[in-house]
Amino acid sequence: MSSAWRAAGRIDERDCGLATVWAAGGMAVVLALTAVGVNLGAAIGSRHRAEAAADLAALAAASHAADGDIAACAHGARVTEGMSARLVSCRLSGWEARVEVEVRSPLSLGGSGVALGRARAGPSPG
């Protein structure tokens, strides 16, 4: 059939399929940019979750500072578990609680990202 099309002058002899190559390359670039955007969004979301979990864990620990370090940090750990995060460290200094929280998020480009959040809660210094 292609010889009939050539005979009718409907197929250009110079056509070598370059448009197909450019289209495939363009689609690959769009796909790569989409994957990067999705991973960037996941990383930003994980960071926000880690910061929010740290804020709430610090408030929970500081509100139970009178119960002692272990009990206060246990309250902070309970809060972070409820937010799908992990309490990395919890320190009490008087009525002030300092916590560090990590959130793991799977990335589509391979591996997993870890977002850290730190917070401090307690009475105002002045």
N, C-alpha and C. Protein backbone atom coordinates (compact mmCIF):
# COMPACT_ATOMS: atom_id res chain seq x y z
N MET A 1 0.81 -1.18 0.00
CA MET A 1 0.00 0.00 0.00
C MET A 1 0.86 1.25 0.00
N SER A 2 2.03 1.20 0.63
CA SER A 2 2.86 2.40 0.68
C SER A 2 3.34 2.80 -0.70
N SER A 3 3.52 1.82 -1.62
CA SER A 3 3.95 2.20 -2.97
C SER A 3 2.83 2.92 -3.71
N ALA A 4 1.58 2.58 -3.43
CA ALA A 4 0.45 3.29 -4.05
C ALA A 4 0.39 4.72 -3.52
N TRP A 5 0.66 4.88 -2.22
CA TRP A 5 0.66 6.24 -1.65
C TRP A 5 1.81 7.05 -2.23
N ARG A 6 2.96 6.41 -2.40
CA ARG A 6 4.10 7.12 -2.99
C ARG A 6 3.80 7.51 -4.44
N ALA A 7 3.18 6.61 -5.15
CA ALA A 7 2.86 6.88 -6.55
C ALA A 7 1.87 8.03 -6.66
N ALA A 8 0.98 8.14 -5.70
CA ALA A 8 0.00 9.22 -5.72
C ALA A 8 0.60 10.53 -5.22
N GLY A 9 1.84 10.49 -4.69
CA GLY A 9 2.49 11.71 -4.21
C GLY A 9 2.08 12.12 -2.81
N ARG A 10 1.53 11.20 -2.08
CA ARG A 10 1.06 11.54 -0.73
C ARG A 10 2.10 11.27 0.35
N ILE A 11 3.17 10.60 0.07
CA ILE A 11 4.22 10.35 1.05
C ILE A 11 5.47 11.08 0.60
N ASP A 12 6.00 11.85 1.51
CA ASP A 12 7.22 12.61 1.23
C ASP A 12 8.42 11.69 1.46
N GLU A 13 9.30 11.60 0.50
CA GLU A 13 10.48 10.74 0.61
C GLU A 13 11.43 11.23 1.70
N ARG A 14 11.35 12.53 2.08
CA ARG A 14 12.25 13.07 3.11
C ARG A 14 11.77 12.77 4.52
N ASP A 15 10.54 12.27 4.66
CA ASP A 15 9.99 12.00 5.99
C ASP A 15 10.74 10.81 6.60
N CYS A 16 11.42 11.05 7.71
CA CYS A 16 12.18 9.97 8.34
C CYS A 16 11.70 9.71 9.77
N GLY A 17 10.53 10.23 10.15
CA GLY A 17 9.97 9.96 11.47
C GLY A 17 10.53 10.84 12.57
N LEU A 18 11.12 11.97 12.21
CA LEU A 18 11.73 12.85 13.21
C LEU A 18 10.69 13.44 14.16
N ALA A 19 9.50 13.71 13.68
CA ALA A 19 8.45 14.25 14.55
C ALA A 19 8.10 13.26 15.66
N THR A 20 8.14 11.99 15.35
CA THR A 20 7.87 10.97 16.36
C THR A 20 8.93 11.00 17.44
N VAL A 21 10.18 11.16 17.06
CA VAL A 21 11.28 11.22 18.02
C VAL A 21 11.12 12.46 18.92
N TRP A 22 10.81 13.59 18.31
CA TRP A 22 10.62 14.82 19.10
C TRP A 22 9.43 14.69 20.04
N ALA A 23 8.35 14.10 19.60
CA ALA A 23 7.17 13.91 20.45
C ALA A 23 7.48 12.98 21.62
N ALA A 24 8.20 11.90 21.35
CA ALA A 24 8.58 10.98 22.43
C ALA A 24 9.51 11.67 23.42
N GLY A 25 10.45 12.46 22.92
CA GLY A 25 11.34 13.21 23.81
C GLY A 25 10.58 14.21 24.65
N GLY A 26 9.62 14.90 24.05
CA GLY A 26 8.81 15.86 24.79
C GLY A 26 7.98 15.20 25.87
N MET A 27 7.42 14.04 25.55
CA MET A 27 6.65 13.31 26.56
C MET A 27 7.54 12.84 27.70
N ALA A 28 8.77 12.44 27.40
CA ALA A 28 9.70 12.01 28.44
C ALA A 28 10.05 13.17 29.37
N VAL A 29 10.24 14.36 28.80
CA VAL A 29 10.54 15.54 29.62
C VAL A 29 9.36 15.88 30.51
N VAL A 30 8.15 15.85 29.97
CA VAL A 30 6.95 16.15 30.77
C VAL A 30 6.79 15.12 31.89
N LEU A 31 7.03 13.86 31.60
CA LEU A 31 6.93 12.81 32.61
C LEU A 31 7.97 13.01 33.71
N ALA A 32 9.20 13.35 33.33
CA ALA A 32 10.25 13.58 34.33
C ALA A 32 9.91 14.78 35.21
N LEU A 33 9.42 15.86 34.62
CA LEU A 33 9.05 17.03 35.41
C LEU A 33 7.89 16.72 36.35
N THR A 34 6.96 15.90 35.91
CA THR A 34 5.84 15.50 36.76
C THR A 34 6.35 14.69 37.95
N ALA A 35 7.25 13.76 37.71
CA ALA A 35 7.80 12.94 38.81
C ALA A 35 8.55 13.82 39.81
N VAL A 36 9.32 14.77 39.33
CA VAL A 36 10.04 15.68 40.23
C VAL A 36 9.04 16.51 41.03
N GLY A 37 8.00 16.99 40.39
CA GLY A 37 6.99 17.79 41.08
C GLY A 37 6.26 16.99 42.15
N VAL A 38 5.93 15.75 41.86
CA VAL A 38 5.25 14.90 42.85
C VAL A 38 6.16 14.65 44.04
N ASN A 39 7.44 14.39 43.80
CA ASN A 39 8.37 14.16 44.90
C ASN A 39 8.60 15.42 45.72
N LEU A 40 8.67 16.55 45.06
CA LEU A 40 8.83 17.81 45.78
C LEU A 40 7.61 18.08 46.66
N GLY A 41 6.42 17.83 46.13
CA GLY A 41 5.21 18.00 46.91
C GLY A 41 5.17 17.06 48.11
N ALA A 42 5.61 15.81 47.93
CA ALA A 42 5.65 14.85 49.03
C ALA A 42 6.63 15.29 50.11
N ALA A 43 7.77 15.81 49.69
CA ALA A 43 8.78 16.28 50.65
C ALA A 43 8.27 17.48 51.45
N ILE A 44 7.63 18.40 50.78
CA ILE A 44 7.09 19.58 51.47
C ILE A 44 5.98 19.16 52.44
N GLY A 45 5.12 18.27 52.01
CA GLY A 45 4.06 17.78 52.89
C GLY A 45 4.61 17.05 54.10
N SER A 46 5.65 16.28 53.91
CA SER A 46 6.27 15.56 55.04
C SER A 46 6.91 16.54 56.02
N ARG A 47 7.54 17.57 55.50
CA ARG A 47 8.15 18.57 56.39
C ARG A 47 7.08 19.28 57.22
N HIS A 48 5.98 19.62 56.60
CA HIS A 48 4.90 20.28 57.33
C HIS A 48 4.30 19.35 58.39
N ARG A 49 4.15 18.07 58.04
CA ARG A 49 3.65 17.10 59.03
C ARG A 49 4.61 16.95 60.19
N ALA A 50 5.91 16.93 59.90
CA ALA A 50 6.92 16.79 60.96
C ALA A 50 6.89 18.01 61.88
N GLU A 51 6.78 19.20 61.31
CA GLU A 51 6.74 20.41 62.14
C GLU A 51 5.47 20.45 62.99
N ALA A 52 4.34 20.08 62.41
CA ALA A 52 3.09 20.07 63.17
C ALA A 52 3.14 19.03 64.29
N ALA A 53 3.69 17.86 64.00
CA ALA A 53 3.80 16.82 65.02
C ALA A 53 4.73 17.26 66.14
N ALA A 54 5.82 17.94 65.78
CA ALA A 54 6.75 18.43 66.80
C ALA A 54 6.09 19.49 67.68
N ASP A 55 5.34 20.40 67.07
CA ASP A 55 4.64 21.42 67.85
C ASP A 55 3.68 20.79 68.85
N LEU A 56 2.87 19.86 68.38
CA LEU A 56 1.89 19.24 69.27
C LEU A 56 2.55 18.36 70.33
N ALA A 57 3.62 17.67 69.97
CA ALA A 57 4.33 16.83 70.94
C ALA A 57 4.98 17.68 72.02
N ALA A 58 5.54 18.83 71.63
CA ALA A 58 6.15 19.73 72.61
C ALA A 58 5.09 20.28 73.56
N LEU A 59 3.93 20.64 73.02
CA LEU A 59 2.85 21.12 73.88
C LEU A 59 2.36 20.04 74.83
N ALA A 60 2.23 18.81 74.33
CA ALA A 60 1.79 17.70 75.18
C ALA A 60 2.81 17.42 76.27
N ALA A 61 4.09 17.43 75.92
CA ALA A 61 5.12 17.16 76.92
C ALA A 61 5.19 18.28 77.95
N ALA A 62 5.11 19.53 77.49
CA ALA A 62 5.18 20.65 78.43
C ALA A 62 3.98 20.68 79.36
N SER A 63 2.83 20.27 78.86
CA SER A 63 1.63 20.29 79.72
C SER A 63 1.68 19.23 80.80
N HIS A 64 2.55 18.24 80.63
CA HIS A 64 2.70 17.18 81.64
C HIS A 64 4.09 17.21 82.27
N ALA A 65 4.74 18.36 82.25
CA ALA A 65 6.09 18.48 82.81
C ALA A 65 6.10 18.19 84.30
N ALA A 66 5.02 18.50 85.00
CA ALA A 66 4.95 18.27 86.44
C ALA A 66 4.94 16.78 86.78
N ASP A 67 4.59 15.93 85.79
CA ASP A 67 4.54 14.49 86.02
C ASP A 67 5.91 13.83 85.91
N GLY A 68 6.92 14.58 85.50
CA GLY A 68 8.27 14.04 85.33
C GLY A 68 8.63 13.85 83.87
N ASP A 69 9.92 13.68 83.62
CA ASP A 69 10.43 13.58 82.25
C ASP A 69 9.83 12.40 81.49
N ILE A 70 9.81 11.25 82.11
CA ILE A 70 9.36 10.04 81.41
C ILE A 70 7.89 10.15 81.04
N ALA A 71 7.06 10.57 81.96
CA ALA A 71 5.62 10.68 81.68
C ALA A 71 5.35 11.77 80.65
N ALA A 72 6.05 12.89 80.77
CA ALA A 72 5.84 13.99 79.82
C ALA A 72 6.24 13.57 78.40
N CYS A 73 7.39 12.92 78.28
CA CYS A 73 7.83 12.49 76.95
C CYS A 73 6.96 11.37 76.40
N ALA A 74 6.37 10.56 77.28
CA ALA A 74 5.45 9.52 76.83
C ALA A 74 4.21 10.16 76.21
N HIS A 75 3.73 11.26 76.77
CA HIS A 75 2.59 11.97 76.18
C HIS A 75 2.96 12.53 74.81
N GLY A 76 4.18 13.08 74.71
CA GLY A 76 4.65 13.59 73.43
C GLY A 76 4.76 12.48 72.38
N ALA A 77 5.25 11.32 72.80
CA ALA A 77 5.39 10.19 71.88
C ALA A 77 4.02 9.70 71.41
N ARG A 78 3.03 9.71 72.31
CA ARG A 78 1.69 9.29 71.93
C ARG A 78 1.11 10.21 70.85
N VAL A 79 1.37 11.50 71.00
CA VAL A 79 0.88 12.46 70.01
C VAL A 79 1.54 12.22 68.66
N THR A 80 2.86 12.01 68.65
CA THR A 80 3.54 11.81 67.37
C THR A 80 3.11 10.51 66.69
N GLU A 81 2.88 9.47 67.47
CA GLU A 81 2.40 8.21 66.88
C GLU A 81 1.05 8.40 66.22
N GLY A 82 0.21 9.21 66.83
CA GLY A 82 -1.09 9.48 66.24
C GLY A 82 -1.01 10.26 64.94
N MET A 83 0.11 10.92 64.72
CA MET A 83 0.31 11.69 63.48
C MET A 83 1.23 10.99 62.51
N SER A 84 1.45 9.69 62.70
CA SER A 84 2.32 8.87 61.84
C SER A 84 3.73 9.43 61.77
N ALA A 85 4.23 9.83 62.93
CA ALA A 85 5.59 10.36 63.03
C ALA A 85 6.29 9.59 64.15
N ARG A 86 7.58 9.87 64.32
CA ARG A 86 8.37 9.20 65.37
C ARG A 86 9.08 10.25 66.19
N LEU A 87 8.97 10.14 67.50
CA LEU A 87 9.66 11.06 68.41
C LEU A 87 11.12 10.64 68.49
N VAL A 88 12.02 11.52 68.02
CA VAL A 88 13.45 11.21 68.01
C VAL A 88 14.07 11.58 69.35
N SER A 89 13.75 12.76 69.87
CA SER A 89 14.29 13.16 71.16
C SER A 89 13.27 14.02 71.88
N CYS A 90 13.34 13.95 73.20
CA CYS A 90 12.46 14.75 74.06
C CYS A 90 13.26 15.09 75.31
N ARG A 91 13.38 16.39 75.57
CA ARG A 91 14.13 16.85 76.74
C ARG A 91 13.29 17.87 77.50
N LEU A 92 13.28 17.74 78.82
CA LEU A 92 12.60 18.72 79.66
C LEU A 92 13.65 19.49 80.44
N SER A 93 13.45 20.78 80.49
CA SER A 93 14.31 21.65 81.29
C SER A 93 13.37 22.55 82.09
N GLY A 94 13.11 22.14 83.30
CA GLY A 94 12.12 22.87 84.10
C GLY A 94 10.74 22.62 83.51
N TRP A 95 10.05 23.70 83.15
CA TRP A 95 8.73 23.60 82.55
C TRP A 95 8.78 23.59 81.02
N GLU A 96 9.97 23.67 80.47
CA GLU A 96 10.12 23.78 79.01
C GLU A 96 10.42 22.41 78.40
N ALA A 97 9.73 22.10 77.32
CA ALA A 97 9.95 20.84 76.60
C ALA A 97 10.53 21.14 75.22
N ARG A 98 11.56 20.38 74.85
CA ARG A 98 12.15 20.47 73.51
C ARG A 98 12.06 19.08 72.88
N VAL A 99 11.47 19.03 71.69
CA VAL A 99 11.29 17.74 71.02
C VAL A 99 11.81 17.81 69.59
N GLU A 100 12.17 16.64 69.10
CA GLU A 100 12.56 16.48 67.69
C GLU A 100 11.80 15.28 67.16
N VAL A 101 11.18 15.46 66.00
CA VAL A 101 10.30 14.45 65.40
C VAL A 101 10.75 14.18 63.98
N GLU A 102 10.60 12.94 63.51
CA GLU A 102 10.88 12.64 62.12
C GLU A 102 9.69 11.96 61.47
N VAL A 103 9.51 12.28 60.20
CA VAL A 103 8.45 11.69 59.39
C VAL A 103 9.09 11.10 58.15
N ARG A 104 8.81 9.85 57.87
CA ARG A 104 9.33 9.20 56.66
C ARG A 104 8.24 9.23 55.59
N SER A 105 8.67 9.56 54.38
CA SER A 105 7.70 9.53 53.28
C SER A 105 8.33 8.80 52.10
N PRO A 106 7.61 7.84 51.54
CA PRO A 106 8.14 7.14 50.36
C PRO A 106 8.13 8.07 49.16
N LEU A 107 9.19 8.01 48.40
CA LEU A 107 9.31 8.84 47.20
C LEU A 107 9.24 7.95 45.97
N SER A 108 8.65 8.47 44.92
CA SER A 108 8.49 7.67 43.71
C SER A 108 9.80 7.53 42.93
N LEU A 109 10.78 8.39 43.21
CA LEU A 109 12.06 8.28 42.52
C LEU A 109 13.00 7.30 43.20
N GLY A 110 12.50 6.59 44.18
CA GLY A 110 13.30 5.60 44.87
C GLY A 110 13.70 6.08 46.24
N GLY A 111 13.82 5.16 47.16
CA GLY A 111 14.23 5.50 48.50
C GLY A 111 13.09 6.10 49.29
N SER A 112 13.45 6.62 50.44
CA SER A 112 12.46 7.30 51.27
C SER A 112 13.10 8.54 51.84
N GLY A 113 12.29 9.56 51.97
CA GLY A 113 12.78 10.81 52.52
C GLY A 113 12.45 10.90 54.00
N VAL A 114 13.27 11.61 54.73
CA VAL A 114 13.04 11.82 56.14
C VAL A 114 12.96 13.32 56.37
N ALA A 115 11.85 13.75 56.96
CA ALA A 115 11.67 15.15 57.29
C ALA A 115 11.76 15.29 58.81
N LEU A 116 12.50 16.28 59.26
CA LEU A 116 12.67 16.52 60.69
C LEU A 116 11.90 17.76 61.10
N GLY A 117 11.34 17.71 62.30
CA GLY A 117 10.67 18.86 62.86
C GLY A 117 11.14 19.04 64.30
N ARG A 118 11.42 20.27 64.69
CA ARG A 118 11.85 20.58 66.06
C ARG A 118 10.91 21.61 66.63
N ALA A 119 10.65 21.50 67.92
CA ALA A 119 9.78 22.49 68.57
C ALA A 119 10.14 22.60 70.03
N ARG A 120 9.74 23.73 70.58
CA ARG A 120 9.93 24.02 72.00
C ARG A 120 8.62 24.56 72.53
N ALA A 121 8.26 24.14 73.73
CA ALA A 121 7.04 24.65 74.35
C ALA A 121 7.26 24.80 75.84
N GLY A 122 6.64 25.80 76.38
CA GLY A 122 6.75 26.07 77.81
C GLY A 122 6.28 27.47 78.09
N PRO A 123 6.43 27.90 79.35
CA PRO A 123 6.01 29.27 79.68
C PRO A 123 6.87 30.30 78.98
N SER A 124 6.30 31.47 78.76
CA SER A 124 7.06 32.52 78.08
C SER A 124 8.21 32.98 78.98
N PRO A 125 9.36 33.33 78.37
CA PRO A 125 10.54 33.66 79.17
C PRO A 125 10.43 34.98 79.91
N GLY A 126 9.50 35.81 79.62
CA GLY A 126 9.46 37.13 80.26
C GLY A 126 8.36 37.21 81.20
